[in-house]
Amino acid sequence: MTRNVFKTKEPVVLEGFQACMKPGKFGSYNLQTTIDQELIDALEEERIELLKWCLSKVKNPKRSIGKLEPWEEVSDGQYKVKFSWNEKDKPPFVDTEGTPVTDPNTPLYSGSKVKVAFYQKPYVLQDETTYGTRLVLIGTQIISVNGQAGIDSGDLGSEEVAAMFGTTKGYKIEEPNVVPKPDEDASEDDDF
C-alpha cells in the first residue's frame, strides 16, 4: 500500500486548543485546523481503498464497526481536522526559511498560520472488529504565530520537511516579527 502525502498549498489557521510544542494536560500533543474541499475530495477517494484493506483484516466483516472519517465539516467547503502524537513520534516543525523550530515556548496557538503535510493511515483495533482511518502529521511549516502557538515525521527529518514546503515570507525563528493586535488597547480607554 503506497502512502500518499497531502499538504496544504496555502497557509491554514490553527483553530481551537493547540498543544503543538508542549504536551497537553494528558501528555499528548495535538494540532487542529481546517482544510478545504479539494483536499477532502482526495482524502475521501483514498479512504475507499484504505477501508477495503481494513475489511480484509477484521475477524468478521459483516459484524465489524467502521468509524467515521477523521474530519468534520464546519462550514461549506471547510473541514476540521485534528492531528495527535506522542513525544517519540513528534514530527518536525520549521519556520519559513526551513530552520527547525524546537523551542517549546514558541507561541503556536489558535490563530497562528501554518502549512501542514500529512497522510491517511488505516487501522484495525485490537478487538479485530473496529476499523477506520486517521490522519498522521508529517511536518509543519510555521507562517505566523499568534502570541500563544507540532508534528509526526514518520521517517522525515527537519531537512526533508523544509524541502517539502520550500521557503515563503513570514515567521522566522531568528527574527520574530511581533505585531500588536488591532483595537486591543482601544477598549481599555472607554469609560461608561
C-alpha atoms as a PDB file:
ATOM      1  CA  MET A   1       0.000   0.000   0.000  1.00  0.00           C
ATOM      2  CA  THR A   2       1.524   3.331  -1.051  1.00  0.00           C
ATOM      3  CA  ARG A   3       1.463   6.330   1.248  1.00  0.00           C
ATOM      4  CA  ASN A   4       0.073   9.485  -0.355  1.00  0.00           C
ATOM      5  CA  VAL A   5       1.312  12.707   1.203  1.00  0.00           C
ATOM      6  CA  PHE A   6      -1.170  15.569   1.331  1.00  0.00           C
ATOM      7  CA  LYS A   7      -0.203  19.147   2.100  1.00  0.00           C
ATOM      8  CA  THR A   8      -1.939  22.470   2.251  1.00  0.00           C
ATOM      9  CA  LYS A   9      -0.971  24.709  -0.663  1.00  0.00           C
ATOM     10  CA  GLU A  10      -1.863  27.885   1.206  1.00  0.00           C
ATOM     11  CA  PRO A  11      -1.391  28.590   4.929  1.00  0.00           C
ATOM     12  CA  VAL A  12      -4.221  27.434   7.193  1.00  0.00           C
ATOM     13  CA  VAL A  13      -5.235  28.936  10.537  1.00  0.00           C
ATOM     14  CA  LEU A  14      -4.952  26.894  13.710  1.00  0.00           C
ATOM     15  CA  GLU A  15      -8.306  26.748  15.474  1.00  0.00           C
ATOM     16  CA  GLY A  16      -9.251  25.579  18.957  1.00  0.00           C
ATOM     17  CA  PHE A  17      -6.961  24.110  21.600  1.00  0.00           C
ATOM     18  CA  GLN A  18      -3.380  23.562  20.432  1.00  0.00           C
ATOM     19  CA  ALA A  19      -0.637  21.555  22.148  1.00  0.00           C
ATOM     20  CA  CYS A  20       1.947  21.642  19.382  1.00  0.00           C
ATOM     21  CA  MET A  21       5.203  22.474  21.105  1.00  0.00           C
ATOM     22  CA  LYS A  22       4.399  21.208  24.614  1.00  0.00           C
ATOM     23  CA  PRO A  23       2.221  18.229  25.532  1.00  0.00           C
ATOM     24  CA  GLY A  24      -1.287  18.947  26.768  1.00  0.00           C
ATOM     25  CA  LYS A  25      -2.874  18.015  30.064  1.00  0.00           C
ATOM     26  CA  PHE A  26      -2.918  14.282  29.285  1.00  0.00           C
ATOM     27  CA  GLY A  27       0.638  14.068  27.909  1.00  0.00           C
ATOM     28  CA  SER A  28      -0.116  14.068  24.192  1.00  0.00           C
ATOM     29  CA  TYR A  29       0.404  16.703  21.533  1.00  0.00           C
ATOM     30  CA  ASN A  30      -2.249  17.930  19.126  1.00  0.00           C
ATOM     31  CA  LEU A  31      -2.889  20.375  16.300  1.00  0.00           C
ATOM     32  CA  GLN A  32      -6.294  21.397  14.912  1.00  0.00           C
ATOM     33  CA  THR A  33      -7.073  23.349  11.768  1.00  0.00           C
ATOM     34  CA  THR A  34      -9.451  23.434   8.823  1.00  0.00           C
ATOM     35  CA  ILE A  35      -8.727  22.279   5.286  1.00  0.00           C
ATOM     36  CA  ASP A  36     -10.589  22.850   2.042  1.00  0.00           C
ATOM     37  CA  GLN A  37     -12.882  20.698  -0.102  1.00  0.00           C
ATOM     38  CA  GLU A  38     -10.146  19.875  -2.631  1.00  0.00           C
ATOM     39  CA  LEU A  39      -8.047  18.055  -0.015  1.00  0.00           C
ATOM     40  CA  ILE A  40     -11.124  16.318   1.418  1.00  0.00           C
ATOM     41  CA  ASP A  41     -12.100  15.044  -2.047  1.00  0.00           C
ATOM     42  CA  ALA A  42      -8.653  13.452  -2.434  1.00  0.00           C
ATOM     43  CA  LEU A  43      -8.803  12.001   1.099  1.00  0.00           C
ATOM     44  CA  GLU A  44     -12.277  10.534   0.525  1.00  0.00           C
ATOM     45  CA  GLU A  45     -11.167   8.886  -2.708  1.00  0.00           C
ATOM     46  CA  GLU A  46      -8.147   7.333  -0.990  1.00  0.00           C
ATOM     47  CA  ARG A  47     -10.225   6.305   2.053  1.00  0.00           C
ATOM     48  CA  ILE A  48     -12.312   3.914  -0.052  1.00  0.00           C
ATOM     49  CA  GLU A  49      -9.234   1.763  -0.781  1.00  0.00           C
ATOM     50  CA  LEU A  50      -7.936   2.022   2.784  1.00  0.00           C
ATOM     51  CA  LEU A  51     -11.258   0.810   4.203  1.00  0.00           C
ATOM     52  CA  LYS A  52     -11.193  -2.168   1.818  1.00  0.00           C
ATOM     53  CA  TRP A  53      -7.797  -3.060   3.291  1.00  0.00           C
ATOM     54  CA  CYS A  54      -9.235  -2.735   6.827  1.00  0.00           C
ATOM     55  CA  LEU A  55     -12.133  -5.042   5.983  1.00  0.00           C
ATOM     56  CA  SER A  56      -9.663  -7.676   4.777  1.00  0.00           C
ATOM     57  CA  LYS A  57      -8.064  -7.635   8.264  1.00  0.00           C
ATOM     58  CA  VAL A  58     -11.133  -7.782  10.571  1.00  0.00           C
ATOM     59  CA  LYS A  59     -12.449 -11.087  12.014  1.00  0.00           C
ATOM     60  CA  ASN A  60     -15.959 -10.871  10.609  1.00  0.00           C
ATOM     61  CA  PRO A  61     -16.576  -8.106   8.045  1.00  0.00           C
ATOM     62  CA  LYS A  62     -20.370  -8.425   8.432  1.00  0.00           C
ATOM     63  CA  ARG A  63     -20.166  -7.625  12.158  1.00  0.00           C
ATOM     64  CA  SER A  64     -17.386  -5.072  12.007  1.00  0.00           C
ATOM     65  CA  ILE A  65     -17.735  -1.436  13.057  1.00  0.00           C
ATOM     66  CA  GLY A  66     -16.410   1.243  10.725  1.00  0.00           C
ATOM     67  CA  LYS A  67     -15.538   4.553  12.367  1.00  0.00           C
ATOM     68  CA  LEU A  68     -16.446   7.878  10.775  1.00  0.00           C
ATOM     69  CA  GLU A  69     -13.916   9.755   8.677  1.00  0.00           C
ATOM     70  CA  PRO A  70     -11.302  11.731  10.656  1.00  0.00           C
ATOM     71  CA  TRP A  71     -12.626  15.122   9.525  1.00  0.00           C
ATOM     72  CA  GLU A  72     -15.772  17.089  10.221  1.00  0.00           C
ATOM     73  CA  GLU A  73     -17.472  19.682   8.043  1.00  0.00           C
ATOM     74  CA  VAL A  74     -17.645  23.006   9.907  1.00  0.00           C
ATOM     75  CA  SER A  75     -18.849  25.246   7.074  1.00  0.00           C
ATOM     76  CA  ASP A  76     -19.451  24.994   3.346  1.00  0.00           C
ATOM     77  CA  GLY A  77     -16.259  23.512   1.862  1.00  0.00           C
ATOM     78  CA  GLN A  78     -14.268  23.749   5.133  1.00  0.00           C
ATOM     79  CA  TYR A  79     -13.427  20.707   7.255  1.00  0.00           C
ATOM     80  CA  LYS A  80     -11.895  20.495  10.725  1.00  0.00           C
ATOM     81  CA  VAL A  81      -9.001  18.046  11.073  1.00  0.00           C
ATOM     82  CA  LYS A  82      -7.113  17.032  14.215  1.00  0.00           C
ATOM     83  CA  PHE A  83      -3.657  15.536  14.491  1.00  0.00           C
ATOM     84  CA  SER A  84      -2.346  13.859  17.660  1.00  0.00           C
ATOM     85  CA  TRP A  85       1.048  12.381  18.515  1.00  0.00           C
ATOM     86  CA  ASN A  86       3.291  11.493  21.439  1.00  0.00           C
ATOM     87  CA  GLU A  87       6.841  12.562  22.280  1.00  0.00           C
ATOM     88  CA  LYS A  88       8.547   9.706  20.410  1.00  0.00           C
ATOM     89  CA  ASP A  89       6.521  10.355  17.223  1.00  0.00           C
ATOM     90  CA  LYS A  90       6.867  14.145  17.316  1.00  0.00           C
ATOM     91  CA  PRO A  91       7.016  15.498  13.738  1.00  0.00           C
ATOM     92  CA  PRO A  92       9.349  18.363  12.777  1.00  0.00           C
ATOM     93  CA  PHE A  93       8.267  21.998  12.713  1.00  0.00           C
ATOM     94  CA  VAL A  94      10.140  24.503  10.561  1.00  0.00           C
ATOM     95  CA  ASP A  95       9.938  28.264  10.050  1.00  0.00           C
ATOM     96  CA  THR A  96       9.503  29.955   6.661  1.00  0.00           C
ATOM     97  CA  GLU A  97      13.221  29.598   5.913  1.00  0.00           C
ATOM     98  CA  GLY A  98      13.273  25.875   6.754  1.00  0.00           C
ATOM     99  CA  THR A  99      15.007  26.300  10.125  1.00  0.00           C
ATOM    100  CA  PRO A 100      13.834  23.708  12.673  1.00  0.00           C
ATOM    101  CA  VAL A 101      11.656  25.174  15.437  1.00  0.00           C
ATOM    102  CA  THR A 102      12.300  23.263  18.664  1.00  0.00           C
ATOM    103  CA  ASP A 103      11.682  25.842  21.407  1.00  0.00           C
ATOM    104  CA  PRO A 104       8.744  24.531  23.486  1.00  0.00           C
ATOM    105  CA  ASN A 105       7.803  28.142  24.283  1.00  0.00           C
ATOM    106  CA  THR A 106       7.117  29.024  20.639  1.00  0.00           C
ATOM    107  CA  PRO A 107       3.642  30.625  20.773  1.00  0.00           C
ATOM    108  CA  LEU A 108       1.915  28.321  18.281  1.00  0.00           C
ATOM    109  CA  TYR A 109      -1.725  28.718  19.350  1.00  0.00           C
ATOM    110  CA  SER A 110      -5.160  29.281  17.864  1.00  0.00           C
ATOM    111  CA  GLY A 111      -4.933  31.980  15.196  1.00  0.00           C
ATOM    112  CA  SER A 112      -1.399  31.068  14.093  1.00  0.00           C
ATOM    113  CA  LYS A 113      -0.915  30.274  10.395  1.00  0.00           C
ATOM    114  CA  VAL A 114       0.848  27.121   9.210  1.00  0.00           C
ATOM    115  CA  LYS A 115       1.193  24.766   6.285  1.00  0.00           C
ATOM    116  CA  VAL A 116       0.785  21.087   7.143  1.00  0.00           C
ATOM    117  CA  ALA A 117       1.830  17.844   5.451  1.00  0.00           C
ATOM    118  CA  PHE A 118       0.145  14.573   6.413  1.00  0.00           C
ATOM    119  CA  TYR A 119      -1.002  11.161   5.252  1.00  0.00           C
ATOM    120  CA  GLN A 120      -4.050   8.977   5.894  1.00  0.00           C
ATOM    121  CA  LYS A 121      -3.427   5.708   7.714  1.00  0.00           C
ATOM    122  CA  PRO A 122      -5.812   2.742   8.024  1.00  0.00           C
ATOM    123  CA  TYR A 123      -6.220   0.944  11.354  1.00  0.00           C
ATOM    124  CA  VAL A 124      -7.927  -2.078  12.881  1.00  0.00           C
ATOM    125  CA  LEU A 125      -8.254  -2.034  16.679  1.00  0.00           C
ATOM    126  CA  GLN A 126      -7.157  -4.973  18.837  1.00  0.00           C
ATOM    127  CA  ASP A 127     -10.767  -6.155  19.088  1.00  0.00           C
ATOM    128  CA  GLU A 128     -10.391  -7.067  15.368  1.00  0.00           C
ATOM    129  CA  THR A 129     -13.843  -5.583  14.789  1.00  0.00           C
ATOM    130  CA  THR A 130     -13.423  -1.796  14.837  1.00  0.00           C
ATOM    131  CA  TYR A 131     -11.635  -0.130  11.924  1.00  0.00           C
ATOM    132  CA  GLY A 132     -11.167   3.211  10.202  1.00  0.00           C
ATOM    133  CA  THR A 133      -8.590   5.738   9.073  1.00  0.00           C
ATOM    134  CA  ARG A 134      -6.728   8.504  10.850  1.00  0.00           C
ATOM    135  CA  LEU A 135      -4.625  11.438   9.713  1.00  0.00           C
ATOM    136  CA  VAL A 136      -0.928  11.419  10.627  1.00  0.00           C
ATOM    137  CA  LEU A 137       1.003  14.691  10.653  1.00  0.00           C
ATOM    138  CA  ILE A 138       4.360  14.511   8.856  1.00  0.00           C
ATOM    139  CA  GLY A 139       5.532  18.086   9.392  1.00  0.00           C
ATOM    140  CA  THR A 140       4.500  21.688   9.799  1.00  0.00           C
ATOM    141  CA  GLN A 141       5.832  24.968   8.436  1.00  0.00           C
ATOM    142  CA  ILE A 142       5.048  27.931  10.688  1.00  0.00           C
ATOM    143  CA  ILE A 143       3.996  31.001   8.676  1.00  0.00           C
ATOM    144  CA  SER A 144       2.934  33.253  11.577  1.00  0.00           C
ATOM    145  CA  VAL A 145       2.446  32.852  15.318  1.00  0.00           C
ATOM    146  CA  ASN A 146      -0.397  34.318  17.333  1.00  0.00           C
ATOM    147  CA  GLY A 147       1.442  35.241  20.508  1.00  0.00           C
ATOM    148  CA  GLN A 148       0.398  31.984  22.096  1.00  0.00           C
ATOM    149  CA  ALA A 149       1.271  28.529  19.170  1.00  0.00           C
ATOM    150  CA  GLY A 150       3.515  20.387  16.108  1.00  0.00           C
ATOM    151  CA  ILE A 151       4.392  17.105  14.498  1.00  0.00           C
ATOM    152  CA  ASP A 152       4.616  13.418  13.283  1.00  0.00           C
ATOM    153  CA  SER A 153       7.551  12.975  10.966  1.00  0.00           C
ATOM    154  CA  GLY A 154       7.330   9.279  10.263  1.00  0.00           C
ATOM    155  CA  ASP A 155      10.754   8.949   8.671  1.00  0.00           C
ATOM    156  CA  LEU A 156      11.140  12.587   7.591  1.00  0.00           C
ATOM    157  CA  GLY A 157      13.599  14.866   9.360  1.00  0.00           C
ATOM    158  CA  SER A 158      13.636  18.656   9.589  1.00  0.00           C
ATOM    159  CA  GLU A 159      15.562  18.976   6.309  1.00  0.00           C
ATOM    160  CA  GLU A 160      13.035  16.900   4.356  1.00  0.00           C
ATOM    161  CA  VAL A 161      10.080  18.815   5.805  1.00  0.00           C
ATOM    162  CA  ALA A 162      11.796  22.131   4.988  1.00  0.00           C
ATOM    163  CA  ALA A 163      12.438  20.925   1.416  1.00  0.00           C
ATOM    164  CA  MET A 164       8.809  19.800   1.071  1.00  0.00           C
ATOM    165  CA  PHE A 165       7.439  23.259   1.853  1.00  0.00           C
ATOM    166  CA  GLY A 166      10.228  25.449   0.442  1.00  0.00           C
ATOM    167  CA  THR A 167      10.547  28.992   1.752  1.00  0.00           C
ATOM    168  CA  THR A 168       7.967  31.741   1.995  1.00  0.00           C
ATOM    169  CA  LYS A 169       7.536  35.159   3.531  1.00  0.00           C
ATOM    170  CA  GLY A 170       6.604  35.142   7.234  1.00  0.00           C
ATOM    171  CA  TYR A 171       7.755  33.787  10.616  1.00  0.00           C
ATOM    172  CA  LYS A 172      11.489  33.253  11.134  1.00  0.00           C
ATOM    173  CA  ILE A 173      12.780  31.779  14.368  1.00  0.00           C
ATOM    174  CA  GLU A 174      15.821  34.075  14.270  1.00  0.00           C
ATOM    175  CA  GLU A 175      13.809  37.247  13.507  1.00  0.00           C
ATOM    176  CA  PRO A 176      10.434  37.368  15.309  1.00  0.00           C
ATOM    177  CA  ASN A 177       8.101  39.998  13.847  1.00  0.00           C
ATOM    178  CA  VAL A 178       5.661  40.880  16.628  1.00  0.00           C
ATOM    179  CA  VAL A 179       2.672  42.965  15.517  1.00  0.00           C
ATOM    180  CA  PRO A 180       0.176  44.279  18.117  1.00  0.00           C
ATOM    181  CA  LYS A 181      -3.405  43.108  17.745  1.00  0.00           C
ATOM    182  CA  PRO A 182      -5.679  45.812  16.267  1.00  0.00           C
ATOM    183  CA  ASP A 183      -8.000  47.656  18.678  1.00  0.00           C
ATOM    184  CA  GLU A 184      -6.513  45.782  21.630  1.00  0.00           C
ATOM    185  CA  ASP A 185      -5.902  48.945  23.676  1.00  0.00           C
ATOM    186  CA  ALA A 186      -8.919  50.936  22.422  1.00  0.00           C
ATOM    187  CA  SER A 187     -11.424  49.158  24.681  1.00  0.00           C
ATOM    188  CA  GLU A 188      -9.373  49.921  27.823  1.00  0.00           C
ATOM    189  CA  ASP A 189      -9.763  53.693  27.370  1.00  0.00           C
ATOM    190  CA  ASP A 190     -13.561  53.664  27.227  1.00  0.00           C
ATOM    191  CA  ASP A 191     -15.390  54.956  30.333  1.00  0.00           C
ATOM    192  CA  PHE A 192     -19.015  54.044  30.764  1.00  0.00           C
END
